[in-house]
Amino acid sequence: MPSSTAYLSEIEAPLRAEVDALPGWTLLEFGTGWCGHCRAAQPVVAEILTLYPLWRHLKVEDGSGRALGRSFGVRLWPTLVLMHNGQEQARWVRPAAAAQI
């Protein structure tokens, strides 16, 4: 599951059990391509991924009824969830600067 500039659709997105089984560090990014807040956060996310190149990055398209986002309780975009070995370690909603992360 490589990092991408496009959001994974509901069909492409992993199941929650698959995310929970991922080894190491994973940064989940929930949002949409048309969301202004999501677009504004892209430089912040890019900077963080430069600082932590070993983090797996999954951009997941979210919306009403999307199973993965609902399982994480996502309400606002973008929401970033940092996982380590399947356990949530941190969460940021609408980060405006890399220093927040």
C-alpha atoms as a PDB file:
ATOM      1  CA  MET A   1       0.000   0.000   0.000  1.00  0.00           C
ATOM      2  CA  PRO A   2       2.251   2.801  -1.227  1.00  0.00           C
ATOM      3  CA  SER A   3       1.929   6.520  -0.608  1.00  0.00           C
ATOM      4  CA  SER A   4       0.029   8.371  -3.277  1.00  0.00           C
ATOM      5  CA  THR A   5      -1.082  11.847  -4.195  1.00  0.00           C
ATOM      6  CA  ALA A   6      -4.615  10.579  -4.856  1.00  0.00           C
ATOM      7  CA  TYR A   7      -7.050   9.389  -2.217  1.00  0.00           C
ATOM      8  CA  LEU A   8      -7.908   5.695  -2.185  1.00  0.00           C
ATOM      9  CA  SER A   9     -11.559   5.171  -3.045  1.00  0.00           C
ATOM     10  CA  GLU A  10     -13.808   3.072  -0.844  1.00  0.00           C
ATOM     11  CA  ILE A  11     -13.179   0.113  -3.160  1.00  0.00           C
ATOM     12  CA  GLU A  12      -9.377   0.571  -2.989  1.00  0.00           C
ATOM     13  CA  ALA A  13      -9.164   1.418   0.724  1.00  0.00           C
ATOM     14  CA  PRO A  14      -8.038  -1.315   3.091  1.00  0.00           C
ATOM     15  CA  LEU A  15     -10.421  -2.825   5.605  1.00  0.00           C
ATOM     16  CA  ARG A  16     -10.022  -1.848   9.256  1.00  0.00           C
ATOM     17  CA  ALA A  17      -8.645  -5.298  10.074  1.00  0.00           C
ATOM     18  CA  GLU A  18      -5.997  -4.845   7.373  1.00  0.00           C
ATOM     19  CA  VAL A  19      -4.988  -1.446   8.796  1.00  0.00           C
ATOM     20  CA  ASP A  20      -4.840  -2.883  12.307  1.00  0.00           C
ATOM     21  CA  ALA A  21      -2.531  -5.643  11.039  1.00  0.00           C
ATOM     22  CA  LEU A  22      -0.010  -3.304   9.369  1.00  0.00           C
ATOM     23  CA  PRO A  23       3.440  -3.518  10.961  1.00  0.00           C
ATOM     24  CA  GLY A  24       5.417  -0.423  11.849  1.00  0.00           C
ATOM     25  CA  TRP A  25       4.276   3.170  11.474  1.00  0.00           C
ATOM     26  CA  THR A  26       1.338   4.160   9.271  1.00  0.00           C
ATOM     27  CA  LEU A  27      -0.062   7.639   8.743  1.00  0.00           C
ATOM     28  CA  LEU A  28      -3.689   7.488   7.658  1.00  0.00           C
ATOM     29  CA  GLU A  29      -4.964  10.640   5.989  1.00  0.00           C
ATOM     30  CA  PHE A  30      -8.739  10.915   5.682  1.00  0.00           C
ATOM     31  CA  GLY A  31     -10.186  13.527   3.339  1.00  0.00           C
ATOM     32  CA  THR A  32     -11.211  14.202  -0.259  1.00  0.00           C
ATOM     33  CA  GLY A  33      -9.592  15.727  -3.297  1.00  0.00           C
ATOM     34  CA  TRP A  34     -12.160  18.522  -3.504  1.00  0.00           C
ATOM     35  CA  CYS A  35     -11.893  19.595   0.169  1.00  0.00           C
ATOM     36  CA  GLY A  36     -10.187  22.982   0.583  1.00  0.00           C
ATOM     37  CA  HIS A  37      -8.896  22.100   4.050  1.00  0.00           C
ATOM     38  CA  CYS A  38      -7.430  18.864   2.669  1.00  0.00           C
ATOM     39  CA  ARG A  39      -5.681  20.674  -0.180  1.00  0.00           C
ATOM     40  CA  ALA A  40      -4.324  23.294   2.240  1.00  0.00           C
ATOM     41  CA  ALA A  41      -2.878  20.561   4.472  1.00  0.00           C
ATOM     42  CA  GLN A  42      -0.920  18.829   1.680  1.00  0.00           C
ATOM     43  CA  PRO A  43       2.321  20.833   2.218  1.00  0.00           C
ATOM     44  CA  VAL A  44       2.154  19.993   5.937  1.00  0.00           C
ATOM     45  CA  VAL A  45       1.695  16.293   5.222  1.00  0.00           C
ATOM     46  CA  ALA A  46       4.500  16.352   2.645  1.00  0.00           C
ATOM     47  CA  GLU A  47       6.853  18.006   5.162  1.00  0.00           C
ATOM     48  CA  ILE A  48       6.038  15.411   7.827  1.00  0.00           C
ATOM     49  CA  LEU A  49       6.621  12.542   5.410  1.00  0.00           C
ATOM     50  CA  THR A  50      10.002  14.049   4.545  1.00  0.00           C
ATOM     51  CA  LEU A  51      10.897  14.076   8.253  1.00  0.00           C
ATOM     52  CA  TYR A  52       9.648  10.505   8.767  1.00  0.00           C
ATOM     53  CA  PRO A  53      10.388   8.680   5.505  1.00  0.00           C
ATOM     54  CA  LEU A  54       9.780   5.230   6.999  1.00  0.00           C
ATOM     55  CA  TRP A  55       6.138   5.995   7.748  1.00  0.00           C
ATOM     56  CA  ARG A  56       3.677   4.284   5.425  1.00  0.00           C
ATOM     57  CA  HIS A  57       1.174   6.886   4.139  1.00  0.00           C
ATOM     58  CA  LEU A  58      -2.368   5.960   3.162  1.00  0.00           C
ATOM     59  CA  LYS A  59      -4.653   8.683   1.818  1.00  0.00           C
ATOM     60  CA  VAL A  60      -8.209   7.445   2.203  1.00  0.00           C
ATOM     61  CA  GLU A  61     -11.161   9.179   0.606  1.00  0.00           C
ATOM     62  CA  ASP A  62     -13.760   9.717   3.291  1.00  0.00           C
ATOM     63  CA  GLY A  63     -17.433  10.539   3.258  1.00  0.00           C
ATOM     64  CA  SER A  64     -20.772   9.619   4.696  1.00  0.00           C
ATOM     65  CA  GLY A  65     -21.035   5.882   5.211  1.00  0.00           C
ATOM     66  CA  ARG A  66     -17.383   5.135   4.420  1.00  0.00           C
ATOM     67  CA  ALA A  67     -16.511   2.208   6.649  1.00  0.00           C
ATOM     68  CA  LEU A  68     -12.849   2.938   7.415  1.00  0.00           C
ATOM     69  CA  GLY A  69     -13.409   6.576   8.306  1.00  0.00           C
ATOM     70  CA  ARG A  70     -16.406   5.694  10.470  1.00  0.00           C
ATOM     71  CA  SER A  71     -14.390   3.037  12.305  1.00  0.00           C
ATOM     72  CA  PHE A  72     -11.932   5.792  13.285  1.00  0.00           C
ATOM     73  CA  GLY A  73     -14.678   8.290  14.171  1.00  0.00           C
ATOM     74  CA  VAL A  74     -13.569  10.791  11.516  1.00  0.00           C
ATOM     75  CA  ARG A  75     -15.797  13.884  11.515  1.00  0.00           C
ATOM     76  CA  LEU A  76     -13.682  16.652   9.943  1.00  0.00           C
ATOM     77  CA  TRP A  77     -11.202  16.622   7.065  1.00  0.00           C
ATOM     78  CA  PRO A  78      -8.411  16.200   6.895  1.00  0.00           C
ATOM     79  CA  THR A  79      -7.943  13.909   9.851  1.00  0.00           C
ATOM     80  CA  LEU A  80      -4.531  12.315  10.250  1.00  0.00           C
ATOM     81  CA  VAL A  81      -4.239   9.170  12.373  1.00  0.00           C
ATOM     82  CA  LEU A  82      -0.805   7.844  13.257  1.00  0.00           C
ATOM     83  CA  MET A  83      -0.749   4.102  13.874  1.00  0.00           C
ATOM     84  CA  HIS A  84       2.066   1.901  15.162  1.00  0.00           C
ATOM     85  CA  ASN A  85       1.656  -1.848  14.804  1.00  0.00           C
ATOM     86  CA  GLY A  86      -2.115  -1.436  14.527  1.00  0.00           C
ATOM     87  CA  GLN A  87      -2.531   0.857  17.535  1.00  0.00           C
ATOM     88  CA  GLU A  88      -3.502   4.510  17.269  1.00  0.00           C
ATOM     89  CA  GLN A  89      -0.708   6.671  18.686  1.00  0.00           C
ATOM     90  CA  ALA A  90      -1.847  10.189  17.758  1.00  0.00           C
ATOM     91  CA  ARG A  91      -4.486  12.109  15.833  1.00  0.00           C
ATOM     92  CA  TRP A  92      -4.540  15.553  14.235  1.00  0.00           C
ATOM     93  CA  VAL A  93      -7.529  17.296  12.717  1.00  0.00           C
ATOM     94  CA  ARG A  94      -6.923  20.021  10.135  1.00  0.00           C
ATOM     95  CA  PRO A  95      -3.221  20.476  10.903  1.00  0.00           C
ATOM     96  CA  ALA A  96      -1.975  23.877   9.797  1.00  0.00           C
ATOM     97  CA  ALA A  97       1.749  23.393  10.480  1.00  0.00           C
ATOM     98  CA  ALA A  98       4.198  20.514  10.722  1.00  0.00           C
ATOM     99  CA  ALA A  99       5.080  21.687  14.229  1.00  0.00           C
ATOM    100  CA  GLN A 100       1.628  20.508  15.355  1.00  0.00           C
ATOM    101  CA  ILE A 101       2.516  16.929  14.480  1.00  0.00           C
END
